[in-house]
Amino acid sequence: MGAREEAFQRSVREQIALNLRRTPTERMLALCELLDSARALAPTHPEARHLRLRALAARQREREQVRADFRRFLAAGGGDTAAGV
């Protein structure tokens, strides 16, 4: 393990220890602050917005495909609950 990886792992352990000492409210506030920071770092130009919308649409299509595959599986007799499968 390199020095950079060790430093990263130590930082992760310190953050976990810090979180364990926090109250649930403090944890939520820290999470909100982290999300606000990530949102502030996200690009806002029109091309970035277009890419985000395309990614959202792709994830939605993937979810719909998984559901359709599962429905076909069940319709074909898959998932026989009597057999415990």
N, C-alpha and C. Protein backbone atom coordinates (compact mmCIF):
# COMPACT_ATOMS: atom_id res chain seq x y z
N MET A 1 0.86 -1.17 0.00
CA MET A 1 0.00 0.00 0.00
C MET A 1 0.91 1.23 0.00
N GLY A 2 0.66 2.14 -0.93
CA GLY A 2 1.46 3.34 -1.04
C GLY A 2 1.11 4.37 0.02
N ALA A 3 1.97 5.37 0.13
CA ALA A 3 1.77 6.41 1.14
C ALA A 3 0.46 7.17 0.90
N ARG A 4 0.14 7.42 -0.37
CA ARG A 4 -1.10 8.15 -0.67
C ARG A 4 -2.32 7.33 -0.28
N GLU A 5 -2.26 6.04 -0.56
CA GLU A 5 -3.40 5.18 -0.21
C GLU A 5 -3.54 5.06 1.31
N GLU A 6 -2.41 4.98 2.01
CA GLU A 6 -2.46 4.92 3.47
C GLU A 6 -3.07 6.20 4.04
N ALA A 7 -2.67 7.34 3.48
CA ALA A 7 -3.22 8.62 3.94
C ALA A 7 -4.72 8.68 3.69
N PHE A 8 -5.13 8.18 2.53
CA PHE A 8 -6.56 8.17 2.21
C PHE A 8 -7.31 7.27 3.19
N GLN A 9 -6.79 6.07 3.43
CA GLN A 9 -7.44 5.14 4.34
C GLN A 9 -7.52 5.72 5.76
N ARG A 10 -6.46 6.40 6.19
CA ARG A 10 -6.46 7.03 7.51
C ARG A 10 -7.54 8.11 7.57
N SER A 11 -7.64 8.90 6.50
CA SER A 11 -8.66 9.95 6.43
C SER A 11 -10.06 9.36 6.51
N VAL A 12 -10.28 8.25 5.81
CA VAL A 12 -11.59 7.59 5.85
C VAL A 12 -11.90 7.13 7.26
N ARG A 13 -10.92 6.49 7.91
CA ARG A 13 -11.14 6.02 9.29
C ARG A 13 -11.44 7.19 10.22
N GLU A 14 -10.75 8.31 10.05
CA GLU A 14 -11.00 9.49 10.89
C GLU A 14 -12.40 10.03 10.67
N GLN A 15 -12.85 10.06 9.42
CA GLN A 15 -14.19 10.56 9.12
C GLN A 15 -15.26 9.64 9.71
N ILE A 16 -15.02 8.33 9.65
CA ILE A 16 -15.98 7.39 10.23
C ILE A 16 -16.04 7.58 11.74
N ALA A 17 -14.88 7.73 12.37
CA ALA A 17 -14.85 7.95 13.82
C ALA A 17 -15.57 9.25 14.17
N LEU A 18 -15.34 10.29 13.39
CA LEU A 18 -16.01 11.57 13.62
C LEU A 18 -17.52 11.41 13.50
N ASN A 19 -17.96 10.69 12.48
CA ASN A 19 -19.40 10.49 12.28
C ASN A 19 -20.03 9.70 13.41
N LEU A 20 -19.30 8.74 13.95
CA LEU A 20 -19.84 7.94 15.06
C LEU A 20 -20.04 8.78 16.31
N ARG A 21 -19.27 9.85 16.45
CA ARG A 21 -19.42 10.72 17.62
C ARG A 21 -20.54 11.74 17.43
N ARG A 22 -21.03 11.88 16.21
CA ARG A 22 -22.08 12.87 15.93
C ARG A 22 -23.45 12.33 16.30
N THR A 23 -24.34 13.28 16.59
CA THR A 23 -25.74 12.92 16.81
C THR A 23 -26.38 12.70 15.43
N PRO A 24 -27.53 12.05 15.37
CA PRO A 24 -28.20 11.89 14.07
C PRO A 24 -28.45 13.23 13.37
N THR A 25 -28.81 14.25 14.13
CA THR A 25 -29.04 15.57 13.53
C THR A 25 -27.75 16.12 12.94
N GLU A 26 -26.66 15.98 13.67
CA GLU A 26 -25.37 16.47 13.16
C GLU A 26 -24.95 15.70 11.92
N ARG A 27 -25.24 14.41 11.90
CA ARG A 27 -24.92 13.61 10.71
C ARG A 27 -25.70 14.09 9.50
N MET A 28 -27.00 14.37 9.70
CA MET A 28 -27.83 14.84 8.60
C MET A 28 -27.34 16.19 8.10
N LEU A 29 -27.00 17.08 9.01
CA LEU A 29 -26.49 18.39 8.61
C LEU A 29 -25.17 18.26 7.84
N ALA A 30 -24.30 17.35 8.28
CA ALA A 30 -23.04 17.13 7.57
C ALA A 30 -23.30 16.58 6.18
N LEU A 31 -24.26 15.67 6.06
CA LEU A 31 -24.61 15.12 4.75
C LEU A 31 -25.16 16.20 3.83
N CYS A 32 -26.03 17.06 4.37
CA CYS A 32 -26.58 18.15 3.58
C CYS A 32 -25.48 19.09 3.11
N GLU A 33 -24.53 19.37 3.99
CA GLU A 33 -23.41 20.23 3.62
C GLU A 33 -22.57 19.59 2.51
N LEU A 34 -22.35 18.29 2.62
CA LEU A 34 -21.60 17.58 1.59
C LEU A 34 -22.33 17.62 0.25
N LEU A 35 -23.64 17.40 0.27
CA LEU A 35 -24.42 17.45 -0.97
C LEU A 35 -24.43 18.84 -1.57
N ASP A 36 -24.52 19.87 -0.73
CA ASP A 36 -24.46 21.25 -1.23
C ASP A 36 -23.11 21.52 -1.88
N SER A 37 -22.04 21.02 -1.28
CA SER A 37 -20.70 21.21 -1.85
C SER A 37 -20.59 20.51 -3.19
N ALA A 38 -21.10 19.29 -3.27
CA ALA A 38 -21.05 18.55 -4.54
C ALA A 38 -21.87 19.26 -5.61
N ARG A 39 -23.02 19.79 -5.22
CA ARG A 39 -23.86 20.51 -6.17
C ARG A 39 -23.14 21.76 -6.68
N ALA A 40 -22.43 22.44 -5.79
CA ALA A 40 -21.72 23.66 -6.18
C ALA A 40 -20.57 23.33 -7.14
N LEU A 41 -20.00 22.14 -7.04
CA LEU A 41 -18.90 21.75 -7.92
C LEU A 41 -19.38 21.26 -9.28
N ALA A 42 -20.63 20.88 -9.37
CA ALA A 42 -21.15 20.32 -10.62
C ALA A 42 -21.20 21.40 -11.70
N PRO A 43 -20.82 21.03 -12.91
CA PRO A 43 -20.88 22.01 -14.00
C PRO A 43 -22.33 22.41 -14.29
N THR A 44 -22.52 23.66 -14.67
CA THR A 44 -23.87 24.17 -14.91
C THR A 44 -24.11 24.60 -16.35
N HIS A 45 -23.11 24.46 -17.20
CA HIS A 45 -23.30 24.90 -18.58
C HIS A 45 -24.33 24.00 -19.28
N PRO A 46 -24.94 24.48 -20.36
CA PRO A 46 -26.02 23.73 -21.02
C PRO A 46 -25.62 22.31 -21.46
N GLU A 47 -24.37 22.14 -21.90
CA GLU A 47 -23.95 20.80 -22.33
C GLU A 47 -23.97 19.82 -21.16
N ALA A 48 -23.55 20.29 -19.98
CA ALA A 48 -23.55 19.42 -18.80
C ALA A 48 -24.99 19.05 -18.42
N ARG A 49 -25.88 20.02 -18.51
CA ARG A 49 -27.29 19.74 -18.20
C ARG A 49 -27.84 18.70 -19.18
N HIS A 50 -27.49 18.85 -20.45
CA HIS A 50 -27.93 17.90 -21.46
C HIS A 50 -27.40 16.49 -21.15
N LEU A 51 -26.13 16.39 -20.74
CA LEU A 51 -25.56 15.09 -20.40
C LEU A 51 -26.25 14.47 -19.20
N ARG A 52 -26.58 15.29 -18.20
CA ARG A 52 -27.29 14.77 -17.02
C ARG A 52 -28.66 14.24 -17.41
N LEU A 53 -29.37 14.98 -18.26
CA LEU A 53 -30.69 14.54 -18.70
C LEU A 53 -30.61 13.24 -19.50
N ARG A 54 -29.59 13.13 -20.35
CA ARG A 54 -29.40 11.89 -21.11
C ARG A 54 -29.11 10.72 -20.19
N ALA A 55 -28.29 10.95 -19.16
CA ALA A 55 -27.96 9.89 -18.20
C ALA A 55 -29.21 9.46 -17.43
N LEU A 56 -30.03 10.43 -17.03
CA LEU A 56 -31.28 10.11 -16.33
C LEU A 56 -32.19 9.28 -17.22
N ALA A 57 -32.30 9.67 -18.48
CA ALA A 57 -33.16 8.93 -19.42
C ALA A 57 -32.63 7.51 -19.62
N ALA A 58 -31.32 7.36 -19.72
CA ALA A 58 -30.73 6.03 -19.91
C ALA A 58 -31.00 5.15 -18.69
N ARG A 59 -30.89 5.70 -17.49
CA ARG A 59 -31.17 4.92 -16.28
C ARG A 59 -32.64 4.51 -16.23
N GLN A 60 -33.53 5.42 -16.65
CA GLN A 60 -34.96 5.10 -16.67
C GLN A 60 -35.25 3.97 -17.66
N ARG A 61 -34.63 4.05 -18.85
CA ARG A 61 -34.82 2.97 -19.84
C ARG A 61 -34.30 1.64 -19.30
N GLU A 62 -33.18 1.69 -18.60
CA GLU A 62 -32.61 0.46 -18.03
C GLU A 62 -33.55 -0.14 -16.98
N ARG A 63 -34.11 0.71 -16.12
CA ARG A 63 -35.07 0.21 -15.11
C ARG A 63 -36.28 -0.41 -15.78
N GLU A 64 -36.79 0.25 -16.83
CA GLU A 64 -37.96 -0.28 -17.54
C GLU A 64 -37.63 -1.62 -18.20
N GLN A 65 -36.42 -1.75 -18.73
CA GLN A 65 -36.01 -3.00 -19.37
C GLN A 65 -35.92 -4.13 -18.35
N VAL A 66 -35.37 -3.84 -17.18
CA VAL A 66 -35.27 -4.86 -16.13
C VAL A 66 -36.67 -5.30 -15.71
N ARG A 67 -37.58 -4.36 -15.55
CA ARG A 67 -38.96 -4.71 -15.18
C ARG A 67 -39.62 -5.58 -16.25
N ALA A 68 -39.43 -5.20 -17.52
CA ALA A 68 -40.02 -5.97 -18.61
C ALA A 68 -39.43 -7.38 -18.65
N ASP A 69 -38.12 -7.49 -18.47
CA ASP A 69 -37.49 -8.81 -18.45
C ASP A 69 -38.04 -9.66 -17.31
N PHE A 70 -38.23 -9.05 -16.16
CA PHE A 70 -38.75 -9.79 -15.00
C PHE A 70 -40.18 -10.24 -15.24
N ARG A 71 -41.00 -9.35 -15.84
CA ARG A 71 -42.39 -9.74 -16.15
C ARG A 71 -42.41 -10.92 -17.12
N ARG A 72 -41.54 -10.89 -18.14
CA ARG A 72 -41.47 -12.01 -19.10
C ARG A 72 -41.03 -13.29 -18.39
N PHE A 73 -40.07 -13.17 -17.48
CA PHE A 73 -39.59 -14.32 -16.71
C PHE A 73 -40.73 -14.94 -15.91
N LEU A 74 -41.50 -14.10 -15.24
CA LEU A 74 -42.63 -14.60 -14.45
C LEU A 74 -43.71 -15.20 -15.34
N ALA A 75 -43.99 -14.55 -16.47
CA ALA A 75 -45.02 -15.05 -17.39
C ALA A 75 -44.63 -16.40 -17.98
N ALA A 76 -43.33 -16.65 -18.11
CA ALA A 76 -42.86 -17.92 -18.67
C ALA A 76 -42.81 -19.01 -17.60
N GLY A 77 -43.31 -18.70 -16.41
CA GLY A 77 -43.34 -19.71 -15.35
C GLY A 77 -42.11 -19.69 -14.46
N GLY A 78 -41.29 -18.70 -14.62
CA GLY A 78 -40.10 -18.60 -13.77
C GLY A 78 -40.49 -18.17 -12.37
N GLY A 79 -39.63 -18.47 -11.43
CA GLY A 79 -39.89 -18.06 -10.05
C GLY A 79 -40.98 -18.87 -9.40
N ASP A 80 -40.98 -20.16 -9.62
CA ASP A 80 -42.00 -21.05 -9.04
C ASP A 80 -41.86 -21.04 -7.52
N THR A 81 -42.79 -20.35 -6.86
CA THR A 81 -42.70 -20.21 -5.40
C THR A 81 -42.98 -21.53 -4.69
N ALA A 82 -43.74 -22.44 -5.30
CA ALA A 82 -44.01 -23.73 -4.67
C ALA A 82 -42.74 -24.56 -4.57
N ALA A 83 -41.86 -24.39 -5.53
CA ALA A 83 -40.59 -25.12 -5.53
C ALA A 83 -39.54 -24.39 -4.70
N GLY A 84 -39.88 -23.20 -4.22
CA GLY A 84 -38.92 -22.43 -3.42
C GLY A 84 -37.86 -21.75 -4.25
N VAL A 85 -38.15 -21.52 -5.52
CA VAL A 85 -37.18 -20.89 -6.42
C VAL A 85 -37.58 -19.46 -6.65
